[in-house]
Amino acid sequence: MEEEDELAGTLVAESERSLREHGAIRVNLHAIKAETEALEFWSAVGYARDDWTRRFVKNLER
C-alpha cells in the first residue's frame, strides 16, 4: 500500500503544480469521513480540515 500512496502523492503534487500554473490559489475536496485511509492520506499530503465551512446537500424527489 505504501507504493500506492507514493504514486497518489506524486499525482496530487503534479495536479497542484498544474493548477498553480493556471492561476488556482486553493483546492477544495470532499472526503467521506468514514473512509479513514482517505482522510489520513489527504492529511499526509498537506490538506487540513476546514472547520469554518460545512457542506449542505438535499436529495430531490423524482
N, C-alpha and C. Protein backbone atom coordinates (compact mmCIF):
# COMPACT_ATOMS: atom_id res chain seq x y z
N MET A 1 0.82 -1.20 0.00
CA MET A 1 0.00 0.00 0.00
C MET A 1 0.86 1.26 0.00
N GLU A 2 2.02 1.21 0.56
CA GLU A 2 2.92 2.36 0.63
C GLU A 2 3.27 2.87 -0.77
N GLU A 3 3.53 1.96 -1.70
CA GLU A 3 3.86 2.35 -3.07
C GLU A 3 2.69 3.07 -3.73
N GLU A 4 1.47 2.62 -3.46
CA GLU A 4 0.27 3.28 -4.00
C GLU A 4 0.14 4.69 -3.43
N ASP A 5 0.42 4.85 -2.14
CA ASP A 5 0.35 6.17 -1.52
C ASP A 5 1.40 7.10 -2.12
N GLU A 6 2.58 6.57 -2.40
CA GLU A 6 3.63 7.38 -3.01
C GLU A 6 3.21 7.86 -4.40
N LEU A 7 2.64 6.96 -5.19
CA LEU A 7 2.16 7.32 -6.51
C LEU A 7 1.04 8.35 -6.41
N ALA A 8 0.09 8.12 -5.50
CA ALA A 8 -1.01 9.06 -5.32
C ALA A 8 -0.49 10.43 -4.89
N GLY A 9 0.49 10.47 -4.01
CA GLY A 9 1.08 11.73 -3.58
C GLY A 9 1.74 12.46 -4.73
N THR A 10 2.41 11.71 -5.60
CA THR A 10 3.04 12.30 -6.78
C THR A 10 1.98 12.89 -7.71
N LEU A 11 0.88 12.17 -7.89
CA LEU A 11 -0.21 12.68 -8.74
C LEU A 11 -0.83 13.94 -8.16
N VAL A 12 -1.00 13.98 -6.85
CA VAL A 12 -1.56 15.17 -6.21
C VAL A 12 -0.60 16.35 -6.41
N ALA A 13 0.69 16.13 -6.19
CA ALA A 13 1.67 17.21 -6.34
C ALA A 13 1.69 17.74 -7.77
N GLU A 14 1.62 16.86 -8.74
CA GLU A 14 1.60 17.29 -10.15
C GLU A 14 0.32 18.04 -10.47
N SER A 15 -0.79 17.57 -9.93
CA SER A 15 -2.06 18.27 -10.14
C SER A 15 -2.02 19.67 -9.54
N GLU A 16 -1.46 19.78 -8.34
CA GLU A 16 -1.35 21.09 -7.69
C GLU A 16 -0.45 22.02 -8.49
N ARG A 17 0.64 21.49 -9.03
CA ARG A 17 1.55 22.30 -9.84
C ARG A 17 0.80 22.85 -11.05
N SER A 18 0.06 21.99 -11.72
CA SER A 18 -0.69 22.40 -12.89
C SER A 18 -1.75 23.44 -12.54
N LEU A 19 -2.44 23.23 -11.44
CA LEU A 19 -3.46 24.19 -11.00
C LEU A 19 -2.83 25.55 -10.71
N ARG A 20 -1.67 25.56 -10.04
CA ARG A 20 -0.97 26.83 -9.77
C ARG A 20 -0.61 27.53 -11.06
N GLU A 21 -0.12 26.77 -12.04
CA GLU A 21 0.25 27.35 -13.34
C GLU A 21 -0.95 28.02 -14.01
N HIS A 22 -2.14 27.52 -13.74
CA HIS A 22 -3.36 28.07 -14.33
C HIS A 22 -4.03 29.10 -13.43
N GLY A 23 -3.36 29.50 -12.37
CA GLY A 23 -3.85 30.58 -11.53
C GLY A 23 -4.66 30.18 -10.31
N ALA A 24 -4.78 28.90 -10.06
CA ALA A 24 -5.55 28.47 -8.88
C ALA A 24 -4.80 28.86 -7.61
N ILE A 25 -5.56 29.22 -6.60
CA ILE A 25 -4.95 29.58 -5.31
C ILE A 25 -5.44 28.69 -4.17
N ARG A 26 -6.41 27.84 -4.45
CA ARG A 26 -6.95 26.96 -3.41
C ARG A 26 -7.52 25.70 -4.05
N VAL A 27 -7.44 24.61 -3.31
CA VAL A 27 -8.07 23.36 -3.73
C VAL A 27 -9.08 22.97 -2.65
N ASN A 28 -10.28 22.67 -3.07
CA ASN A 28 -11.32 22.15 -2.17
C ASN A 28 -11.60 20.71 -2.57
N LEU A 29 -11.76 19.87 -1.58
CA LEU A 29 -12.13 18.49 -1.89
C LEU A 29 -13.09 17.98 -0.84
N HIS A 30 -13.82 16.97 -1.21
CA HIS A 30 -14.74 16.31 -0.29
C HIS A 30 -14.23 14.89 -0.08
N ALA A 31 -14.21 14.47 1.17
CA ALA A 31 -13.83 13.10 1.51
C ALA A 31 -14.87 12.57 2.48
N ILE A 32 -15.21 11.33 2.32
CA ILE A 32 -16.20 10.69 3.19
C ILE A 32 -15.53 10.38 4.52
N LYS A 33 -16.11 10.89 5.61
CA LYS A 33 -15.44 10.77 6.90
C LYS A 33 -15.27 9.33 7.37
N ALA A 34 -16.07 8.41 6.87
CA ALA A 34 -15.92 7.00 7.23
C ALA A 34 -14.71 6.37 6.55
N GLU A 35 -14.20 7.01 5.52
CA GLU A 35 -13.03 6.50 4.79
C GLU A 35 -11.76 7.01 5.45
N THR A 36 -11.41 6.39 6.57
CA THR A 36 -10.29 6.89 7.37
C THR A 36 -8.96 6.88 6.62
N GLU A 37 -8.74 5.91 5.76
CA GLU A 37 -7.50 5.89 4.98
C GLU A 37 -7.41 7.10 4.07
N ALA A 38 -8.53 7.48 3.47
CA ALA A 38 -8.55 8.66 2.61
C ALA A 38 -8.26 9.92 3.42
N LEU A 39 -8.88 10.03 4.58
CA LEU A 39 -8.64 11.20 5.43
C LEU A 39 -7.18 11.28 5.85
N GLU A 40 -6.60 10.16 6.19
CA GLU A 40 -5.18 10.12 6.57
C GLU A 40 -4.29 10.50 5.39
N PHE A 41 -4.64 10.02 4.20
CA PHE A 41 -3.86 10.36 3.00
C PHE A 41 -3.86 11.86 2.77
N TRP A 42 -5.08 12.47 2.75
CA TRP A 42 -5.16 13.90 2.47
C TRP A 42 -4.42 14.72 3.52
N SER A 43 -4.47 14.29 4.76
CA SER A 43 -3.69 14.98 5.80
C SER A 43 -2.20 14.84 5.54
N ALA A 44 -1.79 13.66 5.13
CA ALA A 44 -0.36 13.40 4.88
C ALA A 44 0.20 14.23 3.73
N VAL A 45 -0.64 14.60 2.76
CA VAL A 45 -0.14 15.40 1.64
C VAL A 45 -0.41 16.89 1.85
N GLY A 46 -0.74 17.26 3.09
CA GLY A 46 -0.78 18.67 3.44
C GLY A 46 -2.14 19.34 3.48
N TYR A 47 -3.21 18.58 3.34
CA TYR A 47 -4.55 19.17 3.38
C TYR A 47 -5.05 19.17 4.82
N ALA A 48 -5.73 20.25 5.19
CA ALA A 48 -6.25 20.39 6.55
C ALA A 48 -7.76 20.45 6.51
N ARG A 49 -8.37 19.94 7.54
CA ARG A 49 -9.83 20.01 7.66
C ARG A 49 -10.23 21.47 7.87
N ASP A 50 -11.23 21.89 7.16
CA ASP A 50 -11.72 23.25 7.26
C ASP A 50 -12.95 23.26 8.16
N ASP A 51 -12.77 23.67 9.39
CA ASP A 51 -13.89 23.71 10.34
C ASP A 51 -14.76 24.94 10.16
N TRP A 52 -14.36 25.83 9.27
CA TRP A 52 -15.08 27.08 9.06
C TRP A 52 -16.32 26.88 8.19
N THR A 53 -16.28 25.87 7.30
CA THR A 53 -17.40 25.65 6.39
C THR A 53 -18.06 24.31 6.66
N ARG A 54 -19.26 24.18 6.20
CA ARG A 54 -19.99 22.92 6.24
C ARG A 54 -20.65 22.71 4.89
N ARG A 55 -20.79 21.47 4.52
CA ARG A 55 -21.43 21.12 3.26
C ARG A 55 -22.91 20.85 3.52
N PHE A 56 -23.76 21.40 2.69
CA PHE A 56 -25.19 21.16 2.78
C PHE A 56 -25.64 20.46 1.50
N VAL A 57 -26.45 19.44 1.65
CA VAL A 57 -26.96 18.71 0.48
C VAL A 57 -28.45 18.46 0.65
N LYS A 58 -29.11 18.26 -0.46
CA LYS A 58 -30.52 17.93 -0.44
C LYS A 58 -30.82 16.99 -1.61
N ASN A 59 -31.39 15.85 -1.30
CA ASN A 59 -31.83 14.93 -2.35
C ASN A 59 -33.20 15.39 -2.83
N LEU A 60 -33.35 15.51 -4.13
CA LEU A 60 -34.61 15.96 -4.71
C LEU A 60 -35.48 14.76 -5.04
N GLU A 61 -36.74 14.91 -4.80
CA GLU A 61 -37.69 13.85 -5.16
C GLU A 61 -37.79 13.76 -6.67
N ARG A 62 -37.99 12.54 -7.14
CA ARG A 62 -38.13 12.35 -8.60
C ARG A 62 -39.56 12.49 -9.01
